[in-house]
N, C-alpha and C. Protein backbone atom coordinates (compact mmCIF):
# COMPACT_ATOMS: atom_id res chain seq x y z
N MET A 1 99.33 71.52 104.31
CA MET A 1 98.48 72.58 104.67
C MET A 1 97.38 72.65 103.70
N ASN A 2 96.10 72.82 104.39
CA ASN A 2 94.95 73.10 103.57
C ASN A 2 94.78 74.56 103.35
N LEU A 3 95.47 75.00 102.32
CA LEU A 3 95.52 76.44 101.95
C LEU A 3 93.99 76.87 101.57
N ALA A 4 93.35 76.06 100.82
CA ALA A 4 91.96 76.40 100.47
C ALA A 4 91.08 76.76 101.54
N GLY A 5 91.24 75.97 102.70
CA GLY A 5 90.38 76.09 104.08
C GLY A 5 90.72 77.46 104.67
N MET A 6 91.84 78.05 104.22
CA MET A 6 92.24 79.42 104.88
C MET A 6 91.62 80.54 104.08
N ILE A 7 91.13 80.37 102.90
CA ILE A 7 90.78 81.59 102.16
C ILE A 7 89.34 81.86 102.19
N ASP A 8 89.23 83.14 102.30
CA ASP A 8 87.85 83.82 102.05
C ASP A 8 87.75 84.18 100.59
N HIS A 9 87.01 83.46 99.85
CA HIS A 9 86.97 83.63 98.33
C HIS A 9 85.93 84.93 98.07
N THR A 10 86.59 85.83 97.62
CA THR A 10 86.03 87.42 97.67
C THR A 10 85.63 87.86 96.41
N LEU A 11 84.42 88.56 96.38
CA LEU A 11 83.96 89.19 95.34
C LEU A 11 83.10 90.38 95.80
N LEU A 12 83.74 91.59 95.75
CA LEU A 12 83.07 92.97 96.35
C LEU A 12 82.93 93.96 95.35
N LYS A 13 83.23 93.69 94.02
CA LYS A 13 83.18 94.71 92.99
C LYS A 13 81.85 95.33 92.93
N PRO A 14 81.73 96.67 92.78
CA PRO A 14 80.30 97.30 92.70
C PRO A 14 79.50 96.78 91.67
N ASP A 15 80.14 96.17 90.55
CA ASP A 15 79.42 95.81 89.29
C ASP A 15 79.11 94.21 89.33
N ALA A 16 79.37 93.64 90.39
CA ALA A 16 79.11 92.14 90.48
C ALA A 16 77.78 91.71 90.28
N THR A 17 77.49 90.84 89.51
CA THR A 17 76.00 90.42 89.23
C THR A 17 75.69 89.24 89.91
N GLU A 18 74.44 88.92 89.97
CA GLU A 18 73.98 87.65 90.78
C GLU A 18 74.56 86.49 90.08
N LYS A 19 74.79 86.53 88.81
CA LYS A 19 75.50 85.45 88.08
C LYS A 19 76.94 85.14 88.71
N ASP A 20 77.56 86.28 88.83
CA ASP A 20 78.95 86.33 89.35
C ASP A 20 79.01 85.61 90.70
N ILE A 21 77.96 85.94 91.56
CA ILE A 21 77.83 85.50 92.89
C ILE A 21 77.48 84.00 92.89
N VAL A 22 76.84 83.43 92.07
CA VAL A 22 76.41 82.01 91.89
C VAL A 22 77.69 81.35 91.51
N GLN A 23 78.55 81.90 90.59
CA GLN A 23 79.82 81.28 90.23
C GLN A 23 80.82 81.23 91.42
N LEU A 24 80.84 82.51 92.06
CA LEU A 24 81.70 82.44 93.21
C LEU A 24 81.34 81.38 94.38
N CYS A 25 80.08 81.18 94.57
CA CYS A 25 79.66 80.16 95.50
C CYS A 25 79.83 78.75 94.95
N HIS A 26 79.71 78.46 93.61
CA HIS A 26 80.09 77.20 93.04
C HIS A 26 81.54 76.88 93.35
N GLU A 27 82.56 77.91 92.97
CA GLU A 27 83.70 77.72 93.22
C GLU A 27 84.12 77.44 94.74
N ALA A 28 83.50 78.10 95.58
CA ALA A 28 83.86 77.91 96.87
C ALA A 28 83.38 76.55 97.46
N LYS A 29 82.26 76.17 97.00
CA LYS A 29 81.75 74.83 97.36
C LYS A 29 82.75 73.81 96.76
N GLN A 30 83.14 73.88 95.45
CA GLN A 30 84.07 73.01 94.69
C GLN A 30 85.40 72.75 95.62
N HIS A 31 85.89 73.98 95.85
CA HIS A 31 87.28 73.98 96.48
C HIS A 31 87.36 74.05 97.96
N GLN A 32 86.09 74.05 98.60
CA GLN A 32 86.00 74.10 100.11
C GLN A 32 86.84 75.24 100.69
N PHE A 33 86.70 76.49 100.16
CA PHE A 33 87.29 77.61 100.90
C PHE A 33 86.42 77.88 102.15
N ALA A 34 87.19 78.63 102.97
CA ALA A 34 86.56 79.00 104.34
C ALA A 34 85.16 79.61 104.18
N THR A 35 85.10 80.69 103.42
CA THR A 35 84.01 81.43 103.32
C THR A 35 83.90 82.15 101.73
N VAL A 36 82.76 82.69 101.50
CA VAL A 36 82.62 83.64 100.48
C VAL A 36 82.58 85.11 101.14
N CYS A 37 83.11 86.02 100.76
CA CYS A 37 83.12 87.27 101.25
C CYS A 37 82.41 88.19 100.18
N VAL A 38 81.33 88.64 100.49
CA VAL A 38 80.33 89.35 99.67
C VAL A 38 79.76 90.76 100.32
N ASN A 39 79.35 91.46 99.33
CA ASN A 39 78.61 92.77 99.83
C ASN A 39 77.19 92.13 100.40
N GLY A 40 76.51 92.94 101.44
CA GLY A 40 75.41 92.52 102.09
C GLY A 40 74.28 92.29 101.29
N SER A 41 74.10 92.80 100.11
CA SER A 41 72.88 92.60 99.23
C SER A 41 72.90 91.22 98.64
N TYR A 42 73.98 90.64 98.64
CA TYR A 42 74.06 89.31 98.20
C TYR A 42 74.26 88.17 99.23
N ALA A 43 74.20 88.54 100.48
CA ALA A 43 74.30 87.66 101.59
C ALA A 43 73.28 86.60 101.43
N ARG A 44 72.03 86.93 101.34
CA ARG A 44 70.98 85.92 101.22
C ARG A 44 71.12 84.76 100.11
N THR A 45 71.44 85.41 99.00
CA THR A 45 71.73 84.44 97.73
C THR A 45 72.97 83.39 98.14
N ALA A 46 74.05 83.95 98.67
CA ALA A 46 75.18 83.10 99.05
C ALA A 46 74.81 81.95 100.03
N ALA A 47 74.15 82.69 101.11
CA ALA A 47 73.72 81.70 102.21
C ALA A 47 72.85 80.49 101.64
N LYS A 48 71.92 80.80 100.81
CA LYS A 48 71.02 79.88 100.22
C LYS A 48 71.90 78.80 99.46
N LEU A 49 72.84 79.33 98.54
CA LEU A 49 73.69 78.32 97.71
C LEU A 49 74.67 77.67 98.41
N LEU A 50 75.01 78.08 99.60
CA LEU A 50 76.16 77.27 100.47
C LEU A 50 75.65 76.56 101.61
N HIS A 51 74.30 76.58 101.79
CA HIS A 51 73.60 75.88 102.96
C HIS A 51 73.96 74.53 102.81
N GLY A 52 74.67 73.97 104.07
CA GLY A 52 74.91 72.58 104.13
C GLY A 52 76.26 72.22 103.63
N THR A 53 77.02 73.23 102.86
CA THR A 53 78.33 72.81 102.37
C THR A 53 79.55 72.94 103.13
N GLY A 54 79.37 73.57 104.43
CA GLY A 54 80.50 73.68 105.21
C GLY A 54 81.34 75.10 105.00
N VAL A 55 80.99 75.74 103.78
CA VAL A 55 81.45 77.19 103.49
C VAL A 55 80.62 78.14 104.04
N GLY A 56 81.18 79.00 104.81
CA GLY A 56 80.57 80.23 105.42
C GLY A 56 80.33 81.32 104.44
N VAL A 57 79.59 82.32 105.01
CA VAL A 57 79.29 83.50 104.23
C VAL A 57 79.73 84.71 105.16
N ALA A 58 80.72 85.50 104.58
CA ALA A 58 81.22 86.65 105.26
C ALA A 58 80.78 87.88 104.55
N VAL A 59 80.17 88.87 105.41
CA VAL A 59 79.72 90.09 104.82
C VAL A 59 80.47 91.43 105.31
N VAL A 60 80.71 92.24 104.37
CA VAL A 60 81.51 93.39 104.88
C VAL A 60 80.50 94.39 105.47
N VAL A 61 81.08 95.20 106.39
CA VAL A 61 80.33 96.28 107.05
C VAL A 61 81.16 97.63 107.23
N GLY A 62 80.43 98.48 106.74
CA GLY A 62 80.97 99.91 106.81
C GLY A 62 82.12 99.91 105.80
N PHE A 63 81.94 99.38 104.60
CA PHE A 63 82.86 98.98 103.56
C PHE A 63 82.58 100.01 102.37
N PRO A 64 83.73 100.51 101.78
CA PRO A 64 85.13 100.36 102.08
C PRO A 64 85.69 101.46 102.95
N LEU A 65 85.10 102.31 103.32
CA LEU A 65 85.76 103.62 103.73
C LEU A 65 85.74 103.52 105.49
N GLY A 66 84.86 102.84 106.10
CA GLY A 66 84.84 102.82 107.38
C GLY A 66 84.29 104.01 108.19
N ALA A 67 83.77 104.94 107.23
CA ALA A 67 83.34 106.17 107.86
C ALA A 67 81.84 106.32 108.07
N THR A 68 81.02 105.15 107.88
CA THR A 68 79.74 104.96 108.23
C THR A 68 79.46 105.10 109.76
N LEU A 69 78.30 105.74 110.02
CA LEU A 69 77.88 105.88 111.55
C LEU A 69 77.92 104.57 112.07
N THR A 70 78.34 104.67 113.50
CA THR A 70 78.43 103.38 114.28
C THR A 70 77.10 102.63 114.16
N GLU A 71 76.05 103.50 114.33
CA GLU A 71 74.67 102.90 114.58
C GLU A 71 74.25 102.16 113.14
N ILE A 72 74.83 102.59 112.11
CA ILE A 72 74.55 102.10 110.75
C ILE A 72 75.24 100.71 110.77
N LYS A 73 76.61 100.76 111.24
CA LYS A 73 77.28 99.45 111.08
C LYS A 73 76.62 98.34 111.99
N VAL A 74 76.18 98.82 113.14
CA VAL A 74 75.51 97.87 113.94
C VAL A 74 74.29 97.18 113.31
N GLN A 75 73.49 98.07 112.61
CA GLN A 75 72.31 97.66 111.92
C GLN A 75 72.84 96.67 110.76
N GLU A 76 73.84 97.07 110.13
CA GLU A 76 74.43 96.08 109.16
C GLU A 76 74.69 94.77 109.60
N VAL A 77 75.31 94.63 110.91
CA VAL A 77 75.50 93.48 111.44
C VAL A 77 74.22 92.59 111.63
N PHE A 78 73.28 93.12 112.25
CA PHE A 78 71.91 92.41 112.49
C PHE A 78 71.36 91.97 111.11
N ALA A 79 71.42 92.89 110.19
CA ALA A 79 70.87 92.52 108.67
C ALA A 79 71.74 91.39 108.14
N ALA A 80 72.98 91.55 108.22
CA ALA A 80 73.81 90.43 107.79
C ALA A 80 73.53 89.01 108.34
N LYS A 81 73.45 88.96 109.61
CA LYS A 81 73.05 87.85 110.30
C LYS A 81 71.68 87.28 109.90
N ALA A 82 70.72 88.19 109.76
CA ALA A 82 69.37 87.80 109.39
C ALA A 82 69.49 87.22 107.95
N HIS A 83 70.39 87.59 107.10
CA HIS A 83 70.46 87.12 105.75
C HIS A 83 71.45 86.01 105.55
N GLY A 84 72.01 85.44 106.66
CA GLY A 84 72.75 84.22 106.59
C GLY A 84 74.24 84.23 106.75
N ALA A 85 74.67 85.50 107.18
CA ALA A 85 76.18 85.63 107.34
C ALA A 85 76.65 85.06 108.65
N ARG A 86 77.65 84.28 108.57
CA ARG A 86 78.37 83.75 109.83
C ARG A 86 79.48 84.59 110.38
N GLU A 87 80.05 85.55 109.39
CA GLU A 87 81.22 86.37 109.66
C GLU A 87 80.89 87.70 109.17
N ILE A 88 81.50 88.71 109.72
CA ILE A 88 81.56 90.16 109.24
C ILE A 88 82.85 90.71 109.29
N ASP A 89 83.21 91.43 108.21
CA ASP A 89 84.42 92.09 107.99
C ASP A 89 84.16 93.65 108.07
N MET A 90 84.36 94.16 109.06
CA MET A 90 84.05 95.59 109.31
C MET A 90 85.34 96.49 109.09
N VAL A 91 85.02 97.62 108.64
CA VAL A 91 86.10 98.61 108.41
C VAL A 91 86.19 99.66 109.66
N MET A 92 87.32 99.76 110.23
CA MET A 92 87.63 100.65 111.23
C MET A 92 87.34 102.06 110.71
N ASN A 93 86.94 103.01 111.65
CA ASN A 93 86.85 104.50 111.20
C ASN A 93 88.27 104.97 110.99
N ILE A 94 88.82 105.01 109.82
CA ILE A 94 90.10 105.46 109.54
C ILE A 94 90.36 106.83 109.69
N GLY A 95 89.45 107.60 109.34
CA GLY A 95 89.46 109.14 109.63
C GLY A 95 89.59 109.49 111.07
N TRP A 96 88.95 108.76 111.89
CA TRP A 96 89.09 108.98 113.43
C TRP A 96 90.42 108.64 113.88
N ALA A 97 91.02 107.56 113.44
CA ALA A 97 92.27 107.03 113.71
C ALA A 97 93.33 108.04 113.28
N LYS A 98 93.15 108.48 112.17
CA LYS A 98 94.18 109.53 111.38
C LYS A 98 94.08 110.99 112.33
N SER A 99 92.88 111.18 112.80
CA SER A 99 92.64 112.43 113.74
C SER A 99 93.25 112.10 115.12
N GLY A 100 93.56 110.88 115.38
CA GLY A 100 94.05 110.70 116.73
C GLY A 100 92.85 110.34 117.77
N ASP A 101 91.75 110.32 117.26
CA ASP A 101 90.69 110.11 118.26
C ASP A 101 90.38 108.48 118.45
N TRP A 102 91.40 107.98 119.16
CA TRP A 102 91.35 106.56 119.35
C TRP A 102 90.31 106.08 120.42
N ILE A 103 89.71 107.11 121.19
CA ILE A 103 88.60 106.59 122.07
C ILE A 103 87.29 106.33 121.07
N ALA A 104 87.15 107.25 120.02
CA ALA A 104 85.84 106.96 119.16
C ALA A 104 86.16 105.83 118.43
N VAL A 105 87.41 105.57 117.90
CA VAL A 105 87.66 104.38 117.12
C VAL A 105 87.38 103.23 117.85
N GLU A 106 87.72 103.10 119.31
CA GLU A 106 87.46 101.84 120.07
C GLU A 106 86.10 101.67 120.30
N LYS A 107 85.23 102.71 120.62
CA LYS A 107 83.84 102.73 120.89
C LYS A 107 83.15 102.13 119.72
N ASP A 108 83.50 102.61 118.41
CA ASP A 108 83.09 102.16 117.18
C ASP A 108 83.21 100.60 117.03
N ILE A 109 84.31 100.20 117.19
CA ILE A 109 84.80 98.73 117.02
C ILE A 109 84.01 97.85 118.03
N VAL A 110 83.94 98.46 119.35
CA VAL A 110 83.39 97.51 120.42
C VAL A 110 81.98 97.30 120.16
N ARG A 111 81.30 98.45 119.73
CA ARG A 111 79.75 98.40 119.60
C ARG A 111 79.54 97.36 118.53
N VAL A 112 80.29 97.21 117.46
CA VAL A 112 80.12 96.38 116.40
C VAL A 112 80.33 94.89 116.76
N VAL A 113 81.46 94.72 117.59
CA VAL A 113 81.77 93.45 118.12
C VAL A 113 80.66 92.77 118.95
N GLU A 114 80.13 93.72 119.95
CA GLU A 114 79.05 93.37 120.80
C GLU A 114 77.84 93.03 120.02
N ALA A 115 77.38 93.74 119.16
CA ALA A 115 76.35 93.45 118.22
C ALA A 115 76.42 92.01 117.59
N ALA A 116 77.76 91.83 117.03
CA ALA A 116 77.96 90.50 116.46
C ALA A 116 78.02 89.35 117.36
N HIS A 117 78.64 89.61 118.37
CA HIS A 117 78.74 88.53 119.40
C HIS A 117 77.41 88.13 120.01
N CYS A 118 76.46 89.05 120.14
CA CYS A 118 75.19 88.84 120.64
C CYS A 118 74.33 88.01 119.63
N CYS A 119 74.66 87.85 118.43
CA CYS A 119 73.98 86.99 117.52
C CYS A 119 74.84 85.94 116.81
N GLY A 120 76.02 85.64 117.56
CA GLY A 120 76.87 84.54 117.17
C GLY A 120 77.69 84.66 115.85
N VAL A 121 77.95 85.88 115.60
CA VAL A 121 78.85 86.18 114.30
C VAL A 121 80.23 86.67 114.63
N THR A 122 81.19 86.08 113.86
CA THR A 122 82.59 86.36 113.93
C THR A 122 82.95 87.66 113.30
N VAL A 123 83.84 88.26 114.12
CA VAL A 123 84.21 89.53 113.52
C VAL A 123 85.55 89.79 113.09
N LYS A 124 85.89 90.31 111.93
CA LYS A 124 87.25 90.66 111.55
C LYS A 124 87.22 92.31 111.33
N VAL A 125 88.28 93.01 111.86
CA VAL A 125 88.23 94.33 111.85
C VAL A 125 89.44 94.77 110.93
N ILE A 126 89.06 95.54 109.81
CA ILE A 126 89.94 95.95 108.71
C ILE A 126 90.48 97.25 109.18
N ILE A 127 91.79 97.33 109.14
CA ILE A 127 92.34 98.62 109.72
C ILE A 127 93.04 99.44 108.62
N GLU A 128 93.08 98.87 107.33
CA GLU A 128 93.59 99.54 106.19
C GLU A 128 95.04 100.06 106.39
N THR A 129 95.94 99.09 106.58
CA THR A 129 97.38 99.18 106.83
C THR A 129 98.03 100.28 105.99
N CYS A 130 97.60 100.38 104.74
CA CYS A 130 98.40 101.12 103.85
C CYS A 130 98.22 102.76 104.10
N LEU A 131 97.08 103.11 105.00
CA LEU A 131 96.85 104.49 105.27
C LEU A 131 97.41 104.74 106.64
N LEU A 132 97.97 103.87 107.34
CA LEU A 132 98.39 104.18 108.75
C LEU A 132 99.91 104.15 108.89
N ASN A 133 100.45 104.97 109.81
CA ASN A 133 101.95 104.71 110.04
C ASN A 133 102.10 103.69 111.16
N GLU A 134 103.31 103.25 111.40
CA GLU A 134 103.58 102.17 112.21
C GLU A 134 102.94 102.35 113.67
N GLU A 135 103.08 103.55 114.25
CA GLU A 135 102.47 103.73 115.56
C GLU A 135 101.02 103.61 115.55
N GLU A 136 100.33 104.17 114.38
CA GLU A 136 98.82 103.88 114.26
C GLU A 136 98.36 102.46 114.02
N LYS A 137 99.18 101.70 113.41
CA LYS A 137 98.93 100.28 113.17
C LYS A 137 98.90 99.60 114.63
N GLN A 138 99.96 100.00 115.26
CA GLN A 138 100.00 99.24 116.67
C GLN A 138 98.90 99.68 117.55
N LYS A 139 98.48 100.88 117.57
CA LYS A 139 97.43 101.36 118.32
C LYS A 139 96.00 100.66 117.96
N ALA A 140 95.83 100.66 116.69
CA ALA A 140 94.71 99.97 116.19
C ALA A 140 94.75 98.51 116.51
N ALA A 141 95.90 97.81 116.42
CA ALA A 141 95.96 96.36 116.88
C ALA A 141 95.69 96.41 118.30
N GLU A 142 96.01 97.10 119.13
CA GLU A 142 95.83 97.01 120.83
C GLU A 142 94.34 97.24 120.81
N ILE A 143 93.66 98.06 120.11
CA ILE A 143 92.21 98.23 120.38
C ILE A 143 91.40 97.04 119.76
N VAL A 144 91.89 96.49 118.71
CA VAL A 144 91.18 95.19 118.19
C VAL A 144 91.32 94.13 119.13
N LYS A 145 92.62 93.97 119.81
CA LYS A 145 92.69 92.93 120.80
C LYS A 145 91.87 93.18 121.93
N ARG A 146 91.64 94.30 122.46
CA ARG A 146 90.83 94.66 123.59
C ARG A 146 89.39 94.37 123.29
N SER A 147 89.03 94.69 122.05
CA SER A 147 87.55 94.63 121.65
C SER A 147 87.06 93.23 121.71
N GLY A 148 87.78 92.24 121.71
CA GLY A 148 87.09 90.93 121.69
C GLY A 148 86.90 90.31 120.33
N ALA A 149 87.12 91.07 119.18
CA ALA A 149 87.24 90.65 117.85
C ALA A 149 88.07 89.48 117.59
N GLU A 150 87.56 88.59 116.69
CA GLU A 150 88.51 87.27 116.44
C GLU A 150 89.57 87.55 115.57
N PHE A 151 89.53 88.56 114.67
CA PHE A 151 90.50 88.76 113.64
C PHE A 151 90.75 90.32 113.53
N ILE A 152 92.04 90.48 113.24
CA ILE A 152 92.45 91.86 112.82
C ILE A 152 92.80 91.64 111.25
N LYS A 153 92.29 92.46 110.32
CA LYS A 153 92.51 92.47 108.86
C LYS A 153 93.22 93.46 108.30
N THR A 154 94.10 93.17 107.43
CA THR A 154 95.32 94.29 106.90
C THR A 154 94.35 95.30 106.08
N SER A 155 93.52 94.85 105.09
CA SER A 155 93.22 95.77 104.04
C SER A 155 91.68 95.49 103.42
N THR A 156 91.20 96.58 102.84
CA THR A 156 89.90 96.26 102.04
C THR A 156 90.11 95.71 100.76
N GLY A 157 91.43 96.16 100.07
CA GLY A 157 91.80 95.89 98.75
C GLY A 157 91.15 96.90 97.89
N PHE A 158 90.64 98.00 98.42
CA PHE A 158 89.96 99.10 97.74
C PHE A 158 90.94 100.47 97.72
N SER A 159 92.00 100.39 98.56
CA SER A 159 92.79 101.43 98.82
C SER A 159 94.16 101.45 97.97
N SER A 160 95.23 102.05 98.43
CA SER A 160 96.14 102.28 97.54
C SER A 160 97.12 101.19 97.60
N ALA A 161 97.14 100.20 98.59
CA ALA A 161 97.92 98.96 98.60
C ALA A 161 97.13 97.96 99.59
N GLY A 162 97.76 96.72 99.40
CA GLY A 162 97.11 95.76 100.32
C GLY A 162 97.98 95.05 101.33
N ALA A 163 98.10 93.79 101.43
CA ALA A 163 98.83 92.98 102.64
C ALA A 163 100.30 93.12 102.25
N THR A 164 101.05 93.14 103.30
CA THR A 164 102.40 92.94 103.19
C THR A 164 102.95 92.02 104.25
N VAL A 165 103.97 91.32 104.04
CA VAL A 165 104.60 90.33 104.86
C VAL A 165 104.88 91.14 106.27
N GLU A 166 105.49 92.08 106.17
CA GLU A 166 106.01 92.87 107.38
C GLU A 166 104.72 93.27 108.26
N ASP A 167 103.74 93.81 107.53
CA ASP A 167 102.38 94.18 108.39
C ASP A 167 101.80 92.93 109.05
N VAL A 168 101.76 91.82 108.42
CA VAL A 168 101.28 90.58 108.98
C VAL A 168 102.06 90.23 110.17
N ARG A 169 103.37 90.20 110.04
CA ARG A 169 104.17 89.68 111.04
C ARG A 169 104.17 90.79 112.28
N ASN A 170 104.08 91.94 111.98
CA ASN A 170 103.78 93.02 113.22
C ASN A 170 102.44 92.91 113.75
N LEU A 171 101.46 92.75 113.02
CA LEU A 171 100.17 92.66 113.53
C LEU A 171 99.90 91.41 114.47
N LYS A 172 100.55 90.38 114.07
CA LYS A 172 100.45 89.11 114.85
C LYS A 172 101.27 89.26 116.10
N ALA A 173 102.37 89.91 116.18
CA ALA A 173 103.31 90.14 117.32
C ALA A 173 102.30 91.10 118.21
N TRP A 174 101.61 92.07 117.77
CA TRP A 174 100.99 93.05 118.76
C TRP A 174 99.75 92.45 119.20
N VAL A 175 98.93 91.54 118.44
CA VAL A 175 97.60 91.07 119.06
C VAL A 175 97.99 89.80 119.68
N GLY A 176 98.89 89.05 119.50
CA GLY A 176 99.28 87.89 120.21
C GLY A 176 98.40 86.67 119.80
N GLU A 177 98.23 85.67 120.73
CA GLU A 177 97.62 84.33 120.31
C GLU A 177 96.07 84.56 120.39
N GLY A 178 95.74 85.49 121.05
CA GLY A 178 94.08 85.52 121.15
C GLY A 178 93.29 86.10 119.90
N VAL A 179 94.05 86.76 119.07
CA VAL A 179 93.45 87.32 117.93
C VAL A 179 94.22 86.64 116.69
N LYS A 180 93.41 86.38 115.73
CA LYS A 180 94.00 86.00 114.37
C LYS A 180 94.17 87.09 113.29
N VAL A 181 95.13 86.90 112.45
CA VAL A 181 95.30 87.90 111.57
C VAL A 181 94.77 87.36 109.97
N LYS A 182 94.03 88.35 109.43
CA LYS A 182 93.70 87.99 107.98
C LYS A 182 94.32 88.91 107.16
N ALA A 183 95.08 88.26 106.15
CA ALA A 183 95.76 89.13 105.20
C ALA A 183 94.93 89.23 103.89
N SER A 184 94.74 90.57 103.37
CA SER A 184 93.94 90.63 102.17
C SER A 184 94.46 91.88 101.40
N GLY A 185 94.00 91.84 100.09
CA GLY A 185 94.51 93.07 99.10
C GLY A 185 95.89 92.52 98.54
N GLY A 186 95.65 92.48 97.16
CA GLY A 186 96.86 92.24 96.34
C GLY A 186 97.44 90.72 96.37
N ILE A 187 96.63 89.82 96.96
CA ILE A 187 97.24 88.50 96.98
C ILE A 187 96.77 87.70 95.77
N ARG A 188 97.67 87.36 94.88
CA ARG A 188 97.41 86.96 93.66
C ARG A 188 98.24 85.52 93.22
N SER A 189 99.20 85.16 94.16
CA SER A 189 99.96 84.02 93.83
C SER A 189 100.10 83.07 95.27
N ARG A 190 100.22 81.77 94.84
CA ARG A 190 100.32 80.92 95.98
C ARG A 190 101.66 81.23 96.92
N GLU A 191 102.74 81.65 96.12
CA GLU A 191 104.07 82.05 96.65
C GLU A 191 103.81 83.08 97.95
N PHE A 192 103.08 84.13 97.43
CA PHE A 192 102.76 85.21 98.40
C PHE A 192 101.86 84.81 99.40
N ALA A 193 100.92 84.11 99.16
CA ALA A 193 99.84 83.63 100.25
C ALA A 193 100.73 82.81 101.22
N LEU A 194 101.50 82.04 100.82
CA LEU A 194 102.37 81.09 101.78
C LEU A 194 103.25 82.07 102.54
N GLN A 195 103.89 83.07 101.93
CA GLN A 195 104.84 83.90 102.68
C GLN A 195 103.93 84.49 103.94
N LEU A 196 102.63 84.87 103.67
CA LEU A 196 101.81 85.75 104.49
C LEU A 196 101.41 84.75 105.57
N VAL A 197 101.04 83.53 105.33
CA VAL A 197 100.88 82.57 106.28
C VAL A 197 101.99 82.30 107.09
N GLU A 198 103.17 82.20 106.65
CA GLU A 198 104.36 81.96 107.48
C GLU A 198 104.44 83.07 108.39
N ALA A 199 104.14 84.32 107.97
CA ALA A 199 104.36 85.56 108.83
C ALA A 199 103.44 85.55 110.00
N GLY A 200 102.32 84.79 109.72
CA GLY A 200 101.31 84.84 110.81
C GLY A 200 99.86 84.84 110.44
N ALA A 201 99.62 84.88 109.09
CA ALA A 201 98.18 85.00 108.75
C ALA A 201 97.51 83.66 108.92
N GLU A 202 96.37 83.68 109.46
CA GLU A 202 95.49 82.47 109.57
C GLU A 202 94.23 82.47 108.61
N ARG A 203 94.15 83.67 107.91
CA ARG A 203 92.98 83.69 107.00
C ARG A 203 93.59 84.54 105.81
N ILE A 204 93.24 84.23 104.65
CA ILE A 204 93.63 84.98 103.40
C ILE A 204 92.40 85.34 102.70
N GLY A 205 92.30 86.63 102.37
CA GLY A 205 91.24 87.22 101.52
C GLY A 205 91.74 87.52 100.21
N ALA A 206 91.05 86.82 99.24
CA ALA A 206 91.47 87.07 97.90
C ALA A 206 90.32 86.82 96.76
N SER A 207 90.40 87.44 95.71
CA SER A 207 89.66 87.24 94.60
C SER A 207 90.29 86.23 93.58
N ALA A 208 91.57 86.19 93.57
CA ALA A 208 92.35 85.17 92.92
C ALA A 208 92.54 83.87 93.50
N SER A 209 91.60 83.31 94.26
CA SER A 209 91.57 82.17 94.96
C SER A 209 92.02 81.00 94.12
N ILE A 210 91.35 80.76 93.09
CA ILE A 210 91.48 79.64 92.06
C ILE A 210 92.91 79.47 91.78
N LYS A 211 93.43 80.66 91.24
CA LYS A 211 94.87 80.73 90.66
C LYS A 211 95.70 80.35 91.92
N ILE A 212 95.54 80.76 93.14
CA ILE A 212 96.41 80.66 94.32
C ILE A 212 96.65 79.11 94.66
N ILE A 213 95.40 78.48 94.80
CA ILE A 213 95.33 77.11 95.06
C ILE A 213 95.81 76.21 93.77
N SER A 214 95.78 76.59 92.60
CA SER A 214 96.03 75.83 91.47
C SER A 214 97.48 75.77 91.26
N GLU A 215 98.24 76.89 91.60
CA GLU A 215 99.66 76.98 91.42
C GLU A 215 100.50 75.93 92.18
N SER A 216 101.32 75.10 91.71
CA SER A 216 102.20 74.14 92.36
C SER A 216 103.39 74.90 93.01
């Protein structure tokens, strides 16, 4: 298994410097991770550094709360693409989900997916599993499946908890073969990463990527 090729090498800390991003990209190129996942302000830097390496650039949208206006999320998609992003990791509007306004949740996701697909960008929808109950997780999964997004993603890594094997297994069962699952948040060992892959994850989001692939 090429575990490195399944990892989004991630750096989203608010105090990340340009030097940190350069190092992130160097590591991603060296180990041939799937992408680097960065905040939008560093998309252009990452895209320049990774041009021609086979490593993509993923940019977060509506991050980390998901409460940004839909119109702003759409503009973030277009800007991310213009700055070299191949993928976007958008955060679902969690407050709307907790309010039971699933129509608004779906409209928000669909508009972002449409914007991304019109410019050839892959979409991962972060549902922040730690803030949802089982019924809400399933509803979110069904919406992501209908939206046409390529991935459903467990977590931002900025909330109270991250990925679990149970959540990955359930999300995969709910979305089926047409949508992939990205597990992220709190993944710091090879053993845990492999457990998540076995449960159905096809992408791993991690800042501890080097440690994960270095462990035997």
